[in-house]
Amino acid sequence: MSILLLKLAGKTRVDKFYILLHNKSTVHYIGGIKVKQIKAILVDIDDCLLPFGESPTHECHLAFEQIGKYVEMANRGEFPLISFCSGREFNYVIPLAGLLHWPNSWSVVESGMFLYNPTRKHSKDNPLINPAYTAKYRDIFERTREQVLAMCQTLPLVPYRGKLVNIALELAEGTDLTIEECYKMIPENIRQLEEKGMISIRRSTIAIDISPATVDKASGVRFFSQYTGIPLEQILGIGDSGGDEPMLNIVDRVGCPGNAKKDCKELVKQKGGHVSPFKYAEGVLDIIRHFTGGP
């Protein structure tokens, strides 16, 4: 049984350590407070793991490669599972998984609609999307889609193609508006659908996501937890924006890179998580090391 002593939160006091027991045991705080060993790490992709709309730095590439080495360790059962929790669809996740050395674990995709293992090419529908749910929300969501397309005629937003269920709206080329500004300009008729509990509207740094009610990253992570048998208190969630808040709210350990939105940083701090001073993959690597003691 190997024992790894981990300093907490970068503090210099020598009496503040975790003891990590690599025998599927719990992790004990030396002061006597027990905390669970992390068994899974869920990471958002856009503007969290990788920058969107700009080239990754050399340091980002190096950090990404190190995370890939952790994935290889995880595939051998020597490290917590590393997976994505993203609004992106299957086909976007596959090549990224290849670059990250093929994590053989379930990812949460389309903001909780599905679980997907990009290595085995297997998917699982969120159990909330059952026949009764589909019958109830299909017509509502199709009408919503029509209203959203009409909204795109007045706002500089374009639908992102490729998703099976959700509607994702990205900024039109050449606009000076931001996603946050467009989010605040969503018409009242669409806002009312959310107020009535028919749809959910979330925004990240790169898109506005509209999904059927009750299905978001939180429900996707709950499904991940139920399907894999990994308790929520043993999951580390890493995100950067409002779209990640449902995930960050329900898992026990949380972190965000230095480029995260202000509200996201505040949530992470409130939960006693780790706000990395580094951006993108460098920040994700720093968070993983902070909670696991990885090299």
Protein backbone atom coordinates (compact mmCIF):
# COMPACT_ATOMS: atom_id res chain seq x y z
CA MET A 1 0.00 0.00 0.00
CA SER A 2 1.58 3.27 -1.08
CA ILE A 3 0.96 6.51 0.79
CA LEU A 4 1.14 9.90 -0.92
CA LEU A 5 1.16 13.07 1.16
CA LEU A 6 -0.45 16.02 -0.57
CA LYS A 7 -0.23 19.62 0.56
CA LEU A 8 -3.61 21.33 0.68
CA ALA A 9 -4.37 24.41 -1.42
CA GLY A 10 -0.73 25.39 -1.72
CA LYS A 11 -0.51 26.14 2.00
CA THR A 12 2.91 26.07 3.63
CA ARG A 13 1.83 24.68 7.02
CA VAL A 14 3.33 21.21 7.30
CA ASP A 15 0.43 19.84 9.36
CA LYS A 16 -2.03 20.27 6.48
CA PHE A 17 -1.88 17.12 4.35
CA TYR A 18 -4.03 14.50 2.72
CA ILE A 19 -3.04 10.86 2.95
CA LEU A 20 -4.04 9.11 -0.25
CA LEU A 21 -4.24 5.34 0.16
CA HIS A 22 -3.90 3.57 -3.19
CA ASN A 23 -5.92 0.53 -2.15
CA LYS A 24 -9.44 1.74 -3.01
CA SER A 25 -9.73 2.99 0.54
CA THR A 26 -10.94 6.40 1.61
CA VAL A 27 -8.70 9.42 1.87
CA HIS A 28 -8.19 10.71 5.40
CA TYR A 29 -7.51 14.27 6.45
CA ILE A 30 -4.85 14.17 9.14
CA GLY A 31 -7.03 16.29 11.40
CA GLY A 32 -9.47 13.40 11.49
CA ILE A 33 -12.00 14.50 8.88
CA LYS A 34 -12.56 11.77 6.28
CA VAL A 35 -12.90 12.67 2.62
CA LYS A 36 -13.44 10.30 -0.27
CA GLN A 37 -10.81 9.43 -2.85
CA ILE A 38 -11.43 11.01 -6.26
CA LYS A 39 -12.40 8.32 -8.76
CA ALA A 40 -13.43 10.41 -11.76
CA ILE A 41 -12.51 13.78 -13.25
CA LEU A 42 -15.01 15.49 -15.58
CA VAL A 43 -13.63 18.34 -17.69
CA ASP A 44 -15.40 20.86 -19.91
CA ILE A 45 -13.79 21.34 -23.32
CA ASP A 46 -14.30 24.77 -24.91
CA ASP A 47 -12.43 27.60 -23.15
CA CYS A 48 -11.67 25.20 -20.32
CA LEU A 49 -9.43 22.40 -21.56
CA LEU A 50 -8.68 24.21 -24.83
CA PRO A 51 -9.05 27.81 -25.98
CA PHE A 52 -11.78 28.56 -28.49
CA GLY A 53 -10.94 30.84 -31.40
CA GLU A 54 -7.23 31.10 -30.66
CA SER A 55 -4.19 28.89 -30.98
CA PRO A 56 -3.04 27.01 -27.87
CA THR A 57 0.29 28.14 -26.44
CA HIS A 58 3.32 25.87 -26.21
CA GLU A 59 2.66 25.54 -22.48
CA CYS A 60 -0.93 24.54 -23.21
CA HIS A 61 0.29 21.81 -25.56
CA LEU A 62 2.67 20.49 -22.90
CA ALA A 63 -0.08 20.45 -20.27
CA PHE A 64 -2.45 18.71 -22.68
CA GLU A 65 0.17 16.03 -23.31
CA GLN A 66 0.63 15.48 -19.57
CA ILE A 67 -3.13 15.10 -19.12
CA GLY A 68 -2.96 12.51 -21.91
CA LYS A 69 -0.40 10.59 -19.84
CA TYR A 70 -2.84 10.65 -16.92
CA VAL A 71 -5.47 9.23 -19.28
CA GLU A 72 -3.12 6.35 -20.11
CA MET A 73 -2.63 5.75 -16.39
CA ALA A 74 -6.40 5.88 -15.85
CA ASN A 75 -6.93 3.32 -18.60
CA ARG A 76 -4.58 1.02 -16.67
CA GLY A 77 -6.47 1.62 -13.42
CA GLU A 78 -3.62 3.68 -11.92
CA PHE A 79 -5.33 7.09 -11.85
CA PRO A 80 -8.86 8.50 -11.55
CA LEU A 81 -10.92 8.27 -14.75
CA ILE A 82 -10.66 11.38 -16.94
CA SER A 83 -13.67 12.23 -19.11
CA PHE A 84 -15.36 15.18 -20.78
CA CYS A 85 -18.48 16.99 -19.61
CA SER A 86 -19.39 19.13 -22.58
CA GLY A 87 -22.16 20.63 -24.61
CA ARG A 88 -20.45 19.22 -27.68
CA GLU A 89 -21.75 16.25 -29.66
CA PHE A 90 -20.28 12.79 -30.36
CA ASN A 91 -18.38 13.69 -33.53
CA TYR A 92 -16.61 16.60 -31.86
CA VAL A 93 -15.49 14.49 -28.91
CA ILE A 94 -14.00 11.61 -30.94
CA PRO A 95 -10.94 13.37 -32.46
CA LEU A 96 -10.28 15.23 -29.21
CA ALA A 97 -10.32 11.93 -27.34
CA GLY A 98 -7.76 10.61 -29.80
CA LEU A 99 -5.45 13.54 -29.11
CA LEU A 100 -5.89 12.87 -25.39
CA HIS A 101 -4.71 9.25 -25.75
CA TRP A 102 -8.21 7.74 -25.93
CA PRO A 103 -9.83 7.85 -22.48
CA ASN A 104 -11.69 4.55 -22.10
CA SER A 105 -14.43 6.03 -19.93
CA TRP A 106 -17.87 7.59 -20.22
CA SER A 107 -18.15 11.29 -21.09
CA VAL A 108 -21.20 13.50 -20.64
CA VAL A 109 -22.06 15.02 -24.04
CA GLU A 110 -24.69 17.38 -25.44
CA SER A 111 -25.03 18.96 -21.99
CA GLY A 112 -26.30 15.78 -20.34
CA MET A 113 -28.36 14.23 -23.12
CA PHE A 114 -26.04 11.25 -23.52
CA LEU A 115 -23.12 9.36 -22.07
CA TYR A 116 -20.52 8.48 -24.67
CA ASN A 117 -17.38 6.37 -24.61
CA PRO A 118 -15.30 7.75 -27.54
CA THR A 119 -12.87 4.84 -27.42
CA ARG A 120 -15.49 2.11 -27.71
CA LYS A 121 -17.93 4.30 -29.70
CA HIS A 122 -20.75 3.34 -27.31
CA SER A 123 -23.50 5.73 -26.17
CA LYS A 124 -26.22 5.69 -23.53
CA ASP A 125 -29.29 7.91 -23.57
CA ASN A 126 -30.03 9.88 -20.43
CA PRO A 127 -32.91 7.92 -18.83
CA LEU A 128 -34.84 11.17 -18.53
CA ILE A 129 -35.26 11.01 -22.31
CA ASN A 130 -37.81 8.21 -22.08
CA PRO A 131 -40.91 7.73 -24.28
CA ALA A 132 -43.17 9.63 -21.88
CA TYR A 133 -40.73 12.53 -21.70
CA THR A 134 -40.25 12.53 -25.47
CA ALA A 135 -43.99 12.57 -26.08
CA LYS A 136 -44.43 15.45 -23.63
CA TYR A 137 -41.62 17.67 -24.85
CA ARG A 138 -41.19 16.80 -28.53
CA ASP A 139 -43.86 19.21 -29.80
CA ILE A 140 -42.83 21.89 -27.30
CA PHE A 141 -39.20 21.66 -28.35
CA GLU A 142 -40.00 21.69 -32.04
CA ARG A 143 -42.06 24.84 -31.57
CA THR A 144 -39.17 26.28 -29.58
CA ARG A 145 -36.83 25.46 -32.45
CA GLU A 146 -39.03 27.44 -34.83
CA GLN A 147 -39.05 30.44 -32.46
CA VAL A 148 -35.28 30.23 -32.01
CA LEU A 149 -34.71 30.24 -35.76
CA ALA A 150 -36.93 33.31 -35.99
CA MET A 151 -34.88 34.93 -33.21
CA CYS A 152 -31.72 34.34 -35.25
CA GLN A 153 -33.14 36.69 -37.89
CA THR A 154 -32.90 39.57 -35.42
CA LEU A 155 -29.84 38.62 -33.35
CA PRO A 156 -26.32 37.88 -34.68
CA LEU A 157 -26.60 34.17 -33.82
CA VAL A 158 -26.36 31.10 -36.02
CA PRO A 159 -27.40 27.52 -35.15
CA TYR A 160 -24.54 25.10 -34.63
CA ARG A 161 -25.12 21.98 -36.72
CA GLY A 162 -24.40 18.46 -35.55
CA LYS A 163 -26.27 18.04 -32.28
CA LEU A 164 -28.95 15.37 -32.11
CA VAL A 165 -31.29 17.10 -29.66
CA ASN A 166 -30.10 20.38 -28.17
CA ILE A 167 -30.02 23.72 -29.93
CA ALA A 168 -26.70 25.56 -29.80
CA LEU A 169 -26.36 29.13 -31.03
CA GLU A 170 -22.98 30.61 -31.87
CA LEU A 171 -22.05 34.17 -32.77
CA ALA A 172 -22.36 35.11 -36.41
CA GLU A 173 -19.13 36.04 -38.13
CA GLY A 174 -18.31 39.73 -37.97
CA THR A 175 -20.53 40.67 -35.03
CA ASP A 176 -19.21 42.89 -32.24
CA LEU A 177 -21.67 41.51 -29.69
CA THR A 178 -20.71 38.90 -27.11
CA ILE A 179 -22.57 35.75 -26.11
CA GLU A 180 -23.46 37.40 -22.80
CA GLU A 181 -24.97 40.41 -24.58
CA CYS A 182 -26.97 38.18 -26.93
CA TYR A 183 -28.14 36.08 -23.98
CA LYS A 184 -29.60 39.19 -22.35
CA MET A 185 -31.41 40.01 -25.63
CA ILE A 186 -33.29 36.71 -25.90
CA PRO A 187 -36.95 37.58 -26.65
CA GLU A 188 -39.62 37.34 -23.97
CA ASN A 189 -41.57 34.61 -25.77
CA ILE A 190 -38.59 32.26 -25.43
CA ARG A 191 -37.86 33.37 -21.86
CA GLN A 192 -41.42 32.49 -20.92
CA LEU A 193 -40.92 28.89 -22.08
CA GLU A 194 -38.06 28.60 -19.60
CA GLU A 195 -40.10 30.23 -16.83
CA LYS A 196 -42.84 27.66 -17.42
CA GLY A 197 -40.33 24.82 -17.02
CA MET A 198 -40.49 23.72 -20.66
CA ILE A 199 -36.91 24.44 -21.72
CA SER A 200 -33.55 25.26 -20.20
CA ILE A 201 -31.37 28.11 -21.47
CA ARG A 202 -27.67 28.14 -20.57
CA ARG A 203 -24.73 30.06 -21.97
CA SER A 204 -21.02 29.42 -22.05
CA THR A 205 -18.28 31.66 -23.35
CA ILE A 206 -18.89 30.48 -26.93
CA ALA A 207 -22.58 29.58 -27.29
CA ILE A 208 -26.12 29.73 -25.98
CA ASP A 209 -27.49 26.23 -25.37
CA ILE A 210 -31.22 25.51 -25.36
CA SER A 211 -32.33 22.06 -24.21
CA PRO A 212 -35.49 20.31 -23.02
CA ALA A 213 -36.34 21.06 -19.40
CA THR A 214 -34.62 19.09 -16.60
CA VAL A 215 -31.83 17.85 -18.88
CA ASP A 216 -28.53 19.62 -18.28
CA LYS A 217 -25.00 18.80 -17.22
CA ALA A 218 -26.22 18.09 -13.68
CA SER A 219 -28.65 15.39 -14.83
CA GLY A 220 -25.94 14.03 -17.13
CA VAL A 221 -23.46 13.82 -14.26
CA ARG A 222 -26.06 12.13 -12.06
CA PHE A 223 -26.59 9.57 -14.83
CA PHE A 224 -22.80 9.15 -15.08
CA SER A 225 -22.66 8.56 -11.34
CA GLN A 226 -25.52 6.04 -11.37
CA TYR A 227 -24.24 4.17 -14.43
CA THR A 228 -20.59 3.94 -13.33
CA GLY A 229 -21.29 3.52 -9.62
CA ILE A 230 -18.98 6.43 -8.78
CA PRO A 231 -20.59 8.62 -6.08
CA LEU A 232 -20.90 12.35 -6.72
CA GLU A 233 -18.65 13.03 -3.73
CA GLN A 234 -15.85 11.18 -5.51
CA ILE A 235 -16.08 13.21 -8.72
CA LEU A 236 -13.94 16.25 -9.52
CA GLY A 237 -15.64 18.70 -11.88
CA ILE A 238 -13.68 21.31 -13.87
CA GLY A 239 -15.48 24.06 -15.77
CA ASP A 240 -15.17 27.69 -16.80
CA SER A 241 -18.62 29.25 -17.31
CA GLY A 242 -22.31 29.35 -16.46
CA GLY A 243 -22.97 26.31 -18.59
CA ASP A 244 -20.82 24.28 -16.19
CA GLU A 245 -22.51 25.47 -13.01
CA PRO A 246 -25.08 22.62 -12.91
CA MET A 247 -22.18 20.15 -12.89
CA LEU A 248 -20.12 22.13 -10.40
CA ASN A 249 -23.09 22.45 -8.04
CA ILE A 250 -23.60 18.71 -7.58
CA VAL A 251 -20.09 17.22 -7.46
CA ASP A 252 -17.98 17.37 -4.33
CA ARG A 253 -14.63 18.65 -5.61
CA VAL A 254 -14.50 21.51 -8.11
CA GLY A 255 -11.99 23.66 -9.95
CA CYS A 256 -11.72 26.19 -12.75
CA PRO A 257 -8.85 27.56 -14.86
CA GLY A 258 -7.66 31.13 -14.53
CA ASN A 259 -9.59 32.23 -17.62
CA ALA A 260 -12.96 31.16 -16.13
CA LYS A 261 -15.83 33.60 -15.83
CA LYS A 262 -16.15 35.58 -12.61
CA ASP A 263 -19.35 33.82 -11.50
CA CYS A 264 -17.72 30.43 -12.06
CA LYS A 265 -14.69 31.42 -9.97
CA GLU A 266 -16.94 32.61 -7.18
CA LEU A 267 -18.88 29.32 -7.17
CA VAL A 268 -15.64 27.33 -7.03
CA LYS A 269 -14.38 29.45 -4.13
CA GLN A 270 -17.69 29.07 -2.27
CA LYS A 271 -17.38 25.30 -2.52
CA GLY A 272 -13.79 25.33 -1.29
CA GLY A 273 -12.47 24.36 -4.71
CA HIS A 274 -9.32 25.36 -6.54
CA VAL A 275 -9.15 28.38 -8.84
CA SER A 276 -6.01 27.87 -10.85
CA PRO A 277 -3.83 30.86 -11.76
CA PHE A 278 -3.20 29.17 -15.13
CA LYS A 279 -5.38 29.19 -18.25
CA TYR A 280 -6.94 26.34 -20.24
CA ALA A 281 -5.07 22.99 -20.21
CA GLU A 282 -2.39 24.42 -17.91
CA GLY A 283 -5.11 25.29 -15.43
CA VAL A 284 -6.83 21.91 -15.81
CA LEU A 285 -3.51 20.16 -15.20
CA ASP A 286 -2.88 22.34 -12.15
CA ILE A 287 -6.33 21.45 -10.74
CA ILE A 288 -5.81 17.74 -11.33
CA ARG A 289 -2.46 17.89 -9.60
CA HIS A 290 -3.92 19.93 -6.76
CA PHE A 291 -6.52 17.28 -5.95
CA THR A 292 -4.61 14.09 -6.85
CA GLY A 293 -0.93 14.87 -6.34
CA GLY A 294 -0.20 13.65 -9.84
CA PRO A 295 3.32 14.32 -11.18
